[in-house]
């Protein structure tokens, strides 16, 4: 295989990995497309598990945790065995071997995750049966708080307080994993979302190629100029399929609200019918029916949205810091790709969504294994190991995620021809972020139903749709959840 073909192969494989990271890290409910997004219907898997009143492990919290080398011959299980087709298999095995050489008292049993519908359901089921791993690296941002409530993640605060590198992690990476002032997760990876725009399409429409819309009014104004029915070209993509709440919640934030409120006592208050949510759904609906600047098939797949971007049919869309390799793999010039924080809405804000995953430790395993797991996690999250992965990606034509959880690791140094403007835009988006709405995993079907109806029925009333969704979600999910919290 010649070098050019090999480069294209690695790049495409890398993009697939990044895409799966992005979509798996976003929340979700009933999802039939498990090839692209691994989301759990936790309404069916988690509602029978009551949040624990105190999920801390005796050994880890009753005495100060230590980062000294654990006793000899400690074996821990980690679900991170690379598959045969993993493009980084050789590198991972080399890094695993280096860890055991440096830590002769620890034996790591690397296992493949057991097979199942999706990773989250498999993990929860294994933990409930006492068969979970000692350390796990896919505790996704939207659900770690729920898992903490169920007693599935150890309080790592005693370890974290003595961790020499704790100040090396960017503040937004710690947001979801820090609950009630306690640290439960060490960031494994993350991304931030923002607005993508095609600079060439802006130029062709008479717009400044370097200036994205600043607010909702400009989003509509620009979208109309960019929409050309004859060319099958439109202004901005919407997401109306079974992950519809993933992008819709951004508009709620821009309107100044959120879809749920987590109360001080741990209970949840729904906010579907609050003014920002109603304004957001009305605007979402207007983009389709009044302004007519979105795709004809509002229920098309996420991949079809991406194809519209790659093929120059969509001028604007949501984008993520880990997805620029997709554009490169599809032949786009990154000099023609714009990225910026979202346009602000009535709330005066346009925060980007942060997503990703944390390392967590099993609270039911022994203190010796917890100490060993901490050693392993901090090794895998070290500057040296992260830069080995980045160097490997560069050597094999794999485009990196431009946002690092560590402030002393710069992914842009491992990618060629990256403009300083693109890197600066990613970092700017990461400075104003928002976590996905609490209990999203269980509430997704209700929000999605309202969004889909608004996008497919011109005569629908957004406020009524959200009221119906809230009434059903309150009765079928929230009442039981809140009751279990209060026990």
Protein backbone atom coordinates (compact mmCIF):
# COMPACT_ATOMS: atom_id res chain seq x y z
CA UNK A 1 0.00 0.00 0.00
CA UNK A 2 1.57 3.35 -0.97
CA UNK A 3 1.95 6.18 1.54
CA UNK A 4 -0.96 8.23 0.22
CA UNK A 5 -3.38 5.33 0.47
CA UNK A 6 -2.08 4.43 3.91
CA UNK A 7 -2.56 8.01 5.07
CA UNK A 8 -6.13 8.08 3.81
CA UNK A 9 -6.84 4.75 5.52
CA UNK A 10 -5.57 5.95 8.89
CA UNK A 11 -7.39 9.24 8.58
CA UNK A 12 -10.72 7.61 7.81
CA UNK A 13 -10.30 5.16 10.67
CA UNK A 14 -9.44 7.99 13.02
CA UNK A 15 -12.51 9.94 11.97
CA UNK A 16 -14.73 6.96 12.64
CA UNK A 17 -13.24 6.71 16.12
CA UNK A 18 -13.81 10.41 16.77
CA UNK A 19 -17.39 10.23 15.49
CA UNK A 20 -18.15 7.34 17.81
CA UNK A 21 -16.58 9.24 20.72
CA UNK A 22 -18.71 12.30 20.01
CA UNK A 23 -22.02 10.57 19.59
CA UNK A 24 -21.49 8.14 22.45
CA UNK A 25 -20.60 10.92 24.82
CA UNK A 26 -23.80 12.81 24.17
CA UNK A 27 -26.87 11.72 26.10
CA UNK A 28 -29.68 9.83 24.55
CA UNK A 29 -32.65 7.67 25.21
CA UNK A 30 -34.29 5.17 22.93
CA UNK A 31 -31.67 4.64 20.26
CA UNK A 32 -31.83 2.03 17.57
CA UNK A 33 -28.67 3.18 15.81
CA UNK A 34 -26.12 1.63 18.12
CA UNK A 35 -23.47 1.59 15.45
CA UNK A 36 -23.07 5.34 15.73
CA UNK A 37 -24.21 6.21 19.23
CA UNK A 38 -24.17 4.03 22.33
CA UNK A 39 -26.89 5.38 24.56
CA UNK A 40 -28.78 3.61 27.30
CA UNK A 41 -32.49 3.58 27.90
CA UNK A 42 -31.88 3.96 31.62
CA UNK A 43 -35.57 4.26 32.23
CA UNK A 44 -35.66 0.49 31.83
CA UNK A 45 -32.26 -0.36 33.32
CA UNK A 46 -31.83 2.09 36.17
CA UNK A 47 -35.19 3.01 37.63
CA UNK A 48 -35.18 -0.06 39.83
CA UNK A 49 -31.89 0.98 41.42
CA UNK A 50 -32.29 3.56 44.14
CA UNK A 51 -29.62 6.24 44.54
CA UNK A 52 -27.41 5.36 47.46
CA UNK A 53 -27.47 7.61 50.51
CA UNK A 54 -23.72 7.24 50.85
CA UNK A 55 -21.79 5.56 48.07
CA UNK A 56 -18.32 6.11 49.46
CA UNK A 57 -16.13 3.12 50.17
CA UNK A 58 -15.05 2.60 53.78
CA UNK A 59 -11.37 2.17 53.07
CA UNK A 60 -11.12 5.08 50.66
CA UNK A 61 -12.89 7.65 52.83
CA UNK A 62 -12.40 6.59 56.44
CA UNK A 63 -8.67 7.02 56.12
CA UNK A 64 -6.54 9.19 53.89
CA UNK A 65 -5.94 7.51 50.55
CA UNK A 66 -2.38 6.89 49.56
CA UNK A 67 -0.67 6.99 46.21
CA UNK A 68 2.17 4.75 47.43
CA UNK A 69 2.79 1.62 45.41
CA UNK A 70 0.15 -0.96 46.39
CA UNK A 71 1.15 -4.26 47.95
CA UNK A 72 2.74 -6.78 45.63
CA UNK A 73 0.67 -9.08 43.46
CA UNK A 74 -2.46 -6.93 43.26
CA UNK A 75 -4.50 -7.73 40.17
CA UNK A 76 -7.08 -5.31 38.80
CA UNK A 77 -9.52 -5.72 35.93
CA UNK A 78 -9.96 -2.94 33.40
CA UNK A 79 -12.26 -3.02 30.37
CA UNK A 80 -9.77 -1.58 27.92
CA UNK A 81 -8.43 -4.51 25.92
CA UNK A 82 -7.98 -3.35 22.32
CA UNK A 83 -9.90 -5.24 19.65
CA UNK A 84 -7.97 -6.82 16.76
CA UNK A 85 -9.12 -4.05 14.42
CA UNK A 86 -8.16 -1.24 16.82
CA UNK A 87 -5.81 1.05 14.89
CA UNK A 88 -3.89 1.82 18.11
CA UNK A 89 -3.72 -1.78 19.39
CA UNK A 90 0.06 -2.08 19.18
CA UNK A 91 0.61 1.25 20.94
CA UNK A 92 -1.86 0.42 23.71
CA UNK A 93 -0.22 -2.92 24.40
CA UNK A 94 3.16 -1.22 24.54
CA UNK A 95 1.84 1.34 27.06
CA UNK A 96 0.20 -1.38 29.14
CA UNK A 97 3.49 -3.28 29.29
CA UNK A 98 5.36 -0.12 30.32
CA UNK A 99 2.93 0.42 33.20
CA UNK A 100 3.52 -3.06 34.59
CA UNK A 101 7.28 -2.65 34.21
CA UNK A 102 7.12 0.55 36.23
CA UNK A 103 4.68 -0.95 38.73
CA UNK A 104 5.79 -4.55 39.30
CA UNK A 105 3.37 -5.01 42.19
CA UNK A 106 0.35 -4.49 39.95
CA UNK A 107 -1.04 -6.88 37.37
CA UNK A 108 -3.67 -5.39 35.06
CA UNK A 109 -6.11 -7.79 33.48
CA UNK A 110 -7.23 -6.04 30.30
CA UNK A 111 -10.62 -7.30 29.18
CA UNK A 112 -13.02 -6.54 26.37
CA UNK A 113 -16.31 -5.13 27.54
CA UNK A 114 -18.93 -7.90 27.63
CA UNK A 115 -21.24 -7.84 24.62
CA UNK A 116 -24.56 -6.08 24.92
CA UNK A 117 -26.89 -3.53 23.38
CA UNK A 118 -24.69 -0.65 24.50
CA UNK A 119 -21.81 0.05 26.82
CA UNK A 120 -23.75 1.84 29.54
CA UNK A 121 -26.33 -0.87 30.03
CA UNK A 122 -23.61 -3.52 30.08
CA UNK A 123 -21.67 -1.64 32.75
CA UNK A 124 -24.66 -1.00 35.00
CA UNK A 125 -25.75 -4.64 34.73
CA UNK A 126 -22.26 -5.92 35.50
CA UNK A 127 -21.92 -3.65 38.52
CA UNK A 128 -25.32 -4.70 39.84
CA UNK A 129 -24.23 -8.33 39.58
CA UNK A 130 -20.88 -7.74 41.27
CA UNK A 131 -18.95 -8.36 38.05
CA UNK A 132 -17.91 -4.83 37.18
CA UNK A 133 -14.31 -3.82 36.44
CA UNK A 134 -12.07 -2.25 39.06
CA UNK A 135 -11.52 0.78 36.83
CA UNK A 136 -13.66 2.02 33.95
CA UNK A 137 -12.91 4.76 31.44
CA UNK A 138 -16.27 5.43 29.77
CA UNK A 139 -18.34 7.14 32.47
CA UNK A 140 -19.86 9.70 30.13
CA UNK A 141 -20.42 13.30 31.13
CA UNK A 142 -24.23 13.29 30.92
CA UNK A 143 -24.70 10.35 33.27
CA UNK A 144 -21.89 10.26 35.83
CA UNK A 145 -24.00 12.10 38.41
CA UNK A 146 -26.73 9.49 38.01
CA UNK A 147 -24.16 6.72 38.42
CA UNK A 148 -22.77 8.39 41.54
CA UNK A 149 -26.27 8.40 42.96
CA UNK A 150 -26.53 4.68 42.29
CA UNK A 151 -23.26 3.96 44.08
CA UNK A 152 -21.35 2.98 40.96
CA UNK A 153 -18.40 5.37 41.36
CA UNK A 154 -15.96 5.74 44.24
CA UNK A 155 -15.40 9.11 45.89
CA UNK A 156 -11.90 9.90 44.63
CA UNK A 157 -11.43 13.09 46.65
CA UNK A 158 -8.80 11.64 49.06
CA UNK A 159 -6.75 10.49 46.05
CA UNK A 160 -7.35 13.71 44.11
CA UNK A 161 -6.25 15.94 46.99
CA UNK A 162 -2.84 14.26 46.96
CA UNK A 163 -2.53 14.13 43.16
CA UNK A 164 0.45 16.15 41.94
CA UNK A 165 -1.16 16.81 38.55
CA UNK A 166 -4.61 17.88 39.76
CA UNK A 167 -4.02 21.48 38.60
CA UNK A 168 -3.09 20.29 35.11
CA UNK A 169 -6.73 19.58 34.15
CA UNK A 170 -8.80 22.35 32.59
CA UNK A 171 -11.68 23.52 34.76
CA UNK A 172 -14.46 22.53 32.37
CA UNK A 173 -13.19 18.94 32.25
CA UNK A 174 -13.83 18.58 35.99
CA UNK A 175 -17.32 20.07 36.00
CA UNK A 176 -19.43 16.93 35.51
CA UNK A 177 -17.22 14.68 37.63
CA UNK A 178 -17.27 16.94 40.70
CA UNK A 179 -20.49 16.50 42.66
CA UNK A 180 -21.26 18.26 45.94
CA UNK A 181 -17.61 19.27 46.16
CA UNK A 182 -16.36 15.69 45.81
CA UNK A 183 -14.39 14.30 42.87
CA UNK A 184 -15.74 11.07 41.38
CA UNK A 185 -14.11 11.02 37.96
CA UNK A 186 -10.75 11.75 36.35
CA UNK A 187 -11.24 13.15 32.83
CA UNK A 188 -10.32 10.66 30.13
CA UNK A 189 -11.25 12.76 27.10
CA UNK A 190 -13.62 15.56 26.20
CA UNK A 191 -14.90 17.74 23.41
CA UNK A 192 -16.76 21.03 23.09
CA UNK A 193 -19.39 21.94 20.54
CA UNK A 194 -19.86 25.14 18.58
CA UNK A 195 -21.12 26.50 15.28
CA UNK A 196 -19.59 25.21 12.04
CA UNK A 197 -19.85 27.26 8.88
CA UNK A 198 -18.60 26.78 5.33
CA UNK A 199 -16.55 29.87 4.47
CA UNK A 200 -16.73 29.28 0.72
CA UNK A 201 -20.53 29.13 0.85
CA UNK A 202 -20.59 32.33 2.90
CA UNK A 203 -18.48 34.07 0.29
CA UNK A 204 -20.67 32.85 -2.56
CA UNK A 205 -23.74 34.22 -0.74
CA UNK A 206 -22.17 37.66 -0.33
CA UNK A 207 -21.38 37.18 3.38
CA UNK A 208 -18.07 37.80 5.12
CA UNK A 209 -16.37 34.40 5.14
CA UNK A 210 -14.82 35.05 8.54
CA UNK A 211 -17.91 36.35 10.37
CA UNK A 212 -20.50 33.86 11.71
CA UNK A 213 -23.96 34.93 12.91
CA UNK A 214 -23.82 36.49 16.36
CA UNK A 215 -27.45 35.98 17.43
CA UNK A 216 -30.70 34.32 16.46
CA UNK A 217 -31.76 37.18 14.18
CA UNK A 218 -28.51 36.96 12.23
CA UNK A 219 -28.78 33.18 12.12
CA UNK A 220 -32.07 33.56 10.27
CA UNK A 221 -30.76 36.41 8.10
CA UNK A 222 -27.66 34.50 7.08
CA UNK A 223 -29.61 31.27 6.67
CA UNK A 224 -31.96 32.84 4.14
CA UNK A 225 -29.06 34.13 2.07
CA UNK A 226 -27.44 30.71 2.17
CA UNK A 227 -30.55 28.75 1.20
CA UNK A 228 -30.93 28.03 -2.50
CA UNK A 229 -33.66 25.55 -3.39
CA UNK A 230 -32.47 25.20 -6.98
CA UNK A 231 -29.04 24.08 -5.76
CA UNK A 232 -30.56 21.92 -3.01
CA UNK A 233 -28.59 24.06 -0.59
CA UNK A 234 -29.82 25.21 2.81
CA UNK A 235 -28.71 27.40 5.69
CA UNK A 236 -28.39 25.20 8.77
CA UNK A 237 -28.94 21.58 9.79
CA UNK A 238 -31.40 20.53 12.46
CA UNK A 239 -31.40 17.24 14.32
CA UNK A 240 -34.87 15.75 14.43
CA UNK A 241 -34.21 12.02 14.63
CA UNK A 242 -34.08 9.99 17.85
CA UNK A 243 -31.33 12.15 19.32
CA UNK A 244 -33.27 15.37 18.68
CA UNK A 245 -32.88 16.66 22.23
CA UNK A 246 -29.09 16.59 21.84
CA UNK A 247 -29.06 19.71 19.64
CA UNK A 248 -32.38 21.15 20.78
CA UNK A 249 -31.09 21.67 24.31
CA UNK A 250 -28.49 24.12 22.93
CA UNK A 251 -31.31 26.40 21.82
CA UNK A 252 -32.87 26.16 25.28
CA UNK A 253 -29.58 27.30 26.80
CA UNK A 254 -29.37 30.13 24.28
CA UNK A 255 -32.85 31.19 25.37
CA UNK A 256 -31.61 31.35 28.96
CA UNK A 257 -32.91 28.09 30.43
CA UNK A 258 -32.48 24.35 30.73
CA UNK A 259 -34.76 21.34 30.45
CA UNK A 260 -34.34 20.21 34.07
CA UNK A 261 -33.27 21.69 37.38
CA UNK A 262 -31.35 19.60 39.90
CA UNK A 263 -32.54 20.61 43.36
CA UNK A 264 -30.28 20.88 46.46
CA UNK A 265 -31.89 17.76 47.94
CA UNK A 266 -31.03 15.71 44.82
CA UNK A 267 -34.53 15.72 43.36
CA UNK A 268 -35.28 16.87 39.83
CA UNK A 269 -37.66 19.57 38.65
CA UNK A 270 -38.74 19.51 35.02
CA UNK A 271 -38.48 22.74 33.05
CA UNK A 272 -40.01 21.69 29.73
CA UNK A 273 -42.77 24.29 30.00
CA UNK A 274 -40.66 27.19 31.25
CA UNK A 275 -40.42 30.20 28.96
CA UNK A 276 -36.90 29.49 27.58
CA UNK A 277 -37.86 25.93 26.58
CA UNK A 278 -41.03 27.13 24.86
CA UNK A 279 -39.16 29.93 23.07
CA UNK A 280 -36.52 27.49 21.91
CA UNK A 281 -39.02 25.01 20.47
CA UNK A 282 -40.94 27.83 18.77
CA UNK A 283 -37.70 29.05 17.18
CA UNK A 284 -36.72 25.51 16.21
CA UNK A 285 -40.12 25.09 14.57
CA UNK A 286 -39.88 28.49 12.83
CA UNK A 287 -36.54 27.56 11.28
CA UNK A 288 -38.38 24.78 9.49
CA UNK A 289 -41.86 26.18 8.75
CA UNK A 290 -41.49 29.97 8.70
CA UNK A 291 -37.92 30.71 7.66
CA UNK A 292 -37.45 27.51 5.62
CA UNK A 293 -33.67 27.43 6.04
CA UNK A 294 -33.18 23.79 7.13
CA UNK A 295 -33.08 20.44 5.32
CA UNK A 296 -36.31 19.10 3.81
CA UNK A 297 -36.12 15.84 5.74
CA UNK A 298 -35.91 17.06 9.31
CA UNK A 299 -35.92 13.46 10.56
CA UNK A 300 -32.89 12.39 8.54
CA UNK A 301 -29.99 10.66 10.27
CA UNK A 302 -27.03 12.32 11.90
CA UNK A 303 -24.80 10.89 9.17
CA UNK A 304 -27.04 12.39 6.48
CA UNK A 305 -26.58 15.76 8.16
CA UNK A 306 -22.83 15.23 8.04
CA UNK A 307 -23.00 14.23 4.38
CA UNK A 308 -24.83 17.47 3.63
CA UNK A 309 -21.93 19.35 5.20
CA UNK A 310 -19.27 17.37 3.35
CA UNK A 311 -21.03 17.77 0.00
CA UNK A 312 -21.68 21.50 0.31
CA UNK A 313 -25.44 21.34 0.80
CA UNK A 314 -25.50 22.64 4.39
CA UNK A 315 -23.79 25.97 5.10
CA UNK A 316 -24.00 25.85 8.90
CA UNK A 317 -24.30 23.13 11.52
CA UNK A 318 -23.23 22.03 14.96
CA UNK A 319 -19.65 20.86 15.20
CA UNK A 320 -17.33 19.44 17.84
CA UNK A 321 -13.66 19.91 18.60
CA UNK A 322 -13.03 16.22 17.97
CA UNK A 323 -14.62 16.12 14.55
CA UNK A 324 -12.40 18.18 12.28
CA UNK A 325 -10.73 15.04 11.02
CA UNK A 326 -14.06 14.16 9.40
CA UNK A 327 -13.83 17.23 7.20
CA UNK A 328 -10.24 16.46 6.25
CA UNK A 329 -11.12 12.85 5.42
CA UNK A 330 -13.90 14.05 3.14
CA UNK A 331 -11.54 16.33 1.21
CA UNK A 332 -12.45 19.65 2.82
CA UNK A 333 -9.80 22.32 3.36
CA UNK A 334 -9.78 23.38 7.01
CA UNK A 335 -9.00 26.91 5.86
CA UNK A 336 -12.58 26.94 4.56
CA UNK A 337 -14.02 25.64 7.84
CA UNK A 338 -15.22 28.14 10.41
CA UNK A 339 -15.83 27.32 14.08
CA UNK A 340 -17.12 29.65 16.77
CA UNK A 341 -19.29 29.72 19.90
CA UNK A 342 -23.00 29.47 19.16
CA UNK A 343 -25.11 32.53 18.30
CA UNK A 344 -26.71 33.97 21.43
CA UNK A 345 -30.45 33.77 21.92
CA UNK A 346 -32.90 35.71 24.08
CA UNK A 347 -30.96 34.66 27.17
CA UNK A 348 -27.88 36.50 25.93
CA UNK A 349 -25.72 33.38 25.96
CA UNK A 350 -24.45 30.77 23.53
CA UNK A 351 -22.60 28.17 25.62
CA UNK A 352 -21.06 25.13 24.01
CA UNK A 353 -21.85 21.63 25.22
CA UNK A 354 -19.02 19.70 26.78
CA UNK A 355 -19.01 15.96 26.53
CA UNK A 356 -16.57 13.16 27.04
CA UNK A 357 -15.83 10.46 29.57
CA UNK A 358 -14.27 9.93 32.97
CA UNK A 359 -12.21 7.25 34.58
CA UNK A 360 -14.02 5.92 37.64
CA UNK A 361 -13.14 3.31 40.26
CA UNK A 362 -15.39 0.54 41.54
CA UNK A 363 -16.50 1.46 45.10
CA UNK A 364 -17.14 -2.21 45.99
CA UNK A 365 -13.67 -3.53 45.32
CA UNK A 366 -10.89 -3.77 47.91
CA UNK A 367 -8.77 -0.86 49.11
CA UNK A 368 -5.65 -2.48 47.61
CA UNK A 369 -7.34 -2.72 44.22
CA UNK A 370 -8.60 0.85 44.47
CA UNK A 371 -5.05 2.06 45.16
CA UNK A 372 -3.78 0.07 42.19
CA UNK A 373 -6.58 1.36 39.98
CA UNK A 374 -5.68 4.93 40.93
CA UNK A 375 -2.07 4.30 39.96
CA UNK A 376 -3.21 2.93 36.62
CA UNK A 377 -5.62 5.78 35.91
CA UNK A 378 -3.09 8.50 36.67
CA UNK A 379 -0.54 6.72 34.51
CA UNK A 380 -2.93 6.55 31.57
CA UNK A 381 -3.81 10.21 32.08
CA UNK A 382 -0.22 11.37 32.35
CA UNK A 383 1.23 13.95 29.99
CA UNK A 384 3.70 11.40 28.67
CA UNK A 385 1.08 8.80 27.76
CA UNK A 386 -1.30 11.33 26.22
CA UNK A 387 1.48 12.70 24.05
CA UNK A 388 2.41 9.17 22.95
CA UNK A 389 -1.11 8.73 21.61
CA UNK A 390 -0.97 12.12 19.89
CA UNK A 391 2.41 11.33 18.34
CA UNK A 392 1.07 8.02 17.07
CA UNK A 393 -1.91 9.78 15.51
CA UNK A 394 0.36 12.29 13.82
CA UNK A 395 2.68 9.58 12.52
CA UNK A 396 -0.26 7.71 11.03
CA UNK A 397 -2.20 10.61 9.55
CA UNK A 398 -4.86 10.62 12.27
CA UNK A 399 -6.32 14.03 13.07
CA UNK A 400 -6.43 14.80 16.82
CA UNK A 401 -9.19 16.19 18.97
CA UNK A 402 -8.10 19.82 19.34
CA UNK A 403 -9.32 20.03 22.95
CA UNK A 404 -7.25 18.35 25.64
CA UNK A 405 -8.34 17.65 29.21
CA UNK A 406 -4.83 18.66 30.31
CA UNK A 407 -3.62 22.23 30.02
CA UNK A 408 -0.02 21.07 29.51
CA UNK A 409 -0.86 18.93 26.45
CA UNK A 410 -1.42 20.80 23.18
CA UNK A 411 -2.97 18.57 20.49
CA UNK A 412 -2.46 21.20 17.79
CA UNK A 413 1.31 20.58 18.03
CA UNK A 414 0.63 17.10 16.67
CA UNK A 415 -1.33 18.15 13.59
CA UNK A 416 -0.05 19.75 10.43
CA UNK A 417 -1.45 22.88 8.83
CA UNK A 418 -3.80 23.80 11.68
CA UNK A 419 -4.56 27.49 11.69
CA UNK A 420 -4.10 29.32 15.01
CA UNK A 421 -7.59 30.77 14.47
CA UNK A 422 -9.21 27.33 14.58
CA UNK A 423 -7.36 26.36 17.74
CA UNK A 424 -8.26 29.69 19.35
CA UNK A 425 -11.93 29.20 18.41
CA UNK A 426 -11.99 25.78 20.09
CA UNK A 427 -10.45 27.17 23.27
CA UNK A 428 -12.89 30.10 23.24
CA UNK A 429 -15.84 27.74 22.97
CA UNK A 430 -14.42 25.71 25.86
CA UNK A 431 -14.36 28.82 28.07
CA UNK A 432 -18.19 29.02 28.20
CA UNK A 433 -19.69 25.56 28.49
CA UNK A 434 -22.80 23.77 29.66
CA UNK A 435 -23.44 20.19 30.74
CA UNK A 436 -26.29 18.29 29.12
CA UNK A 437 -29.50 18.43 31.11
CA UNK A 438 -29.66 16.26 34.20
CA UNK A 439 -31.44 12.90 33.89
CA UNK A 440 -31.26 13.18 30.12
CA UNK A 441 -30.83 9.46 29.65
CA UNK A 442 -34.29 8.82 31.07
CA UNK A 443 -36.05 11.88 29.69
CA UNK A 444 -34.84 11.86 26.09
CA UNK A 445 -37.90 10.07 24.61
CA UNK A 446 -40.28 12.68 26.01
CA UNK A 447 -38.35 15.69 24.71
CA UNK A 448 -37.71 14.05 21.34
CA UNK A 449 -41.41 13.38 20.82
CA UNK A 450 -42.22 17.07 21.29
CA UNK A 451 -39.40 18.24 19.01
CA UNK A 452 -40.31 15.81 16.24
CA UNK A 453 -43.98 16.81 16.35
CA UNK A 454 -43.07 20.50 16.10
CA UNK A 455 -40.85 19.83 13.08
CA UNK A 456 -43.35 17.63 11.25
CA UNK A 457 -46.66 19.34 12.06
CA UNK A 458 -46.89 22.97 10.99
CA UNK A 459 -50.05 23.50 13.04
CA UNK A 460 -48.65 22.12 16.30
CA UNK A 461 -48.37 24.31 19.40
CA UNK A 462 -44.90 24.10 20.99
CA UNK A 463 -46.15 25.01 24.45
CA UNK A 464 -48.82 22.32 24.35
CA UNK A 465 -46.34 19.75 23.06
CA UNK A 466 -43.95 20.50 25.90
CA UNK A 467 -46.75 20.41 28.46
CA UNK A 468 -47.79 16.96 27.27
CA UNK A 469 -44.16 15.81 27.35
CA UNK A 470 -43.66 17.16 30.85
CA UNK A 471 -46.85 15.60 32.20
CA UNK A 472 -45.86 12.19 30.86
CA UNK A 473 -42.25 12.44 32.03
CA UNK A 474 -43.31 13.59 35.49
CA UNK A 475 -45.67 10.65 35.90
CA UNK A 476 -43.54 7.95 34.31
CA UNK A 477 -40.02 8.94 35.39
CA UNK A 478 -39.57 11.90 37.71
CA UNK A 479 -42.06 11.04 40.46
CA UNK A 480 -40.43 7.64 40.99
CA UNK A 481 -36.92 9.08 40.74
CA UNK A 482 -37.61 11.81 43.29
CA UNK A 483 -39.28 9.36 45.65
CA UNK A 484 -36.23 7.10 45.55
CA UNK A 485 -33.93 10.05 46.28
CA UNK A 486 -35.91 10.97 49.39
CA UNK A 487 -35.80 7.47 50.90
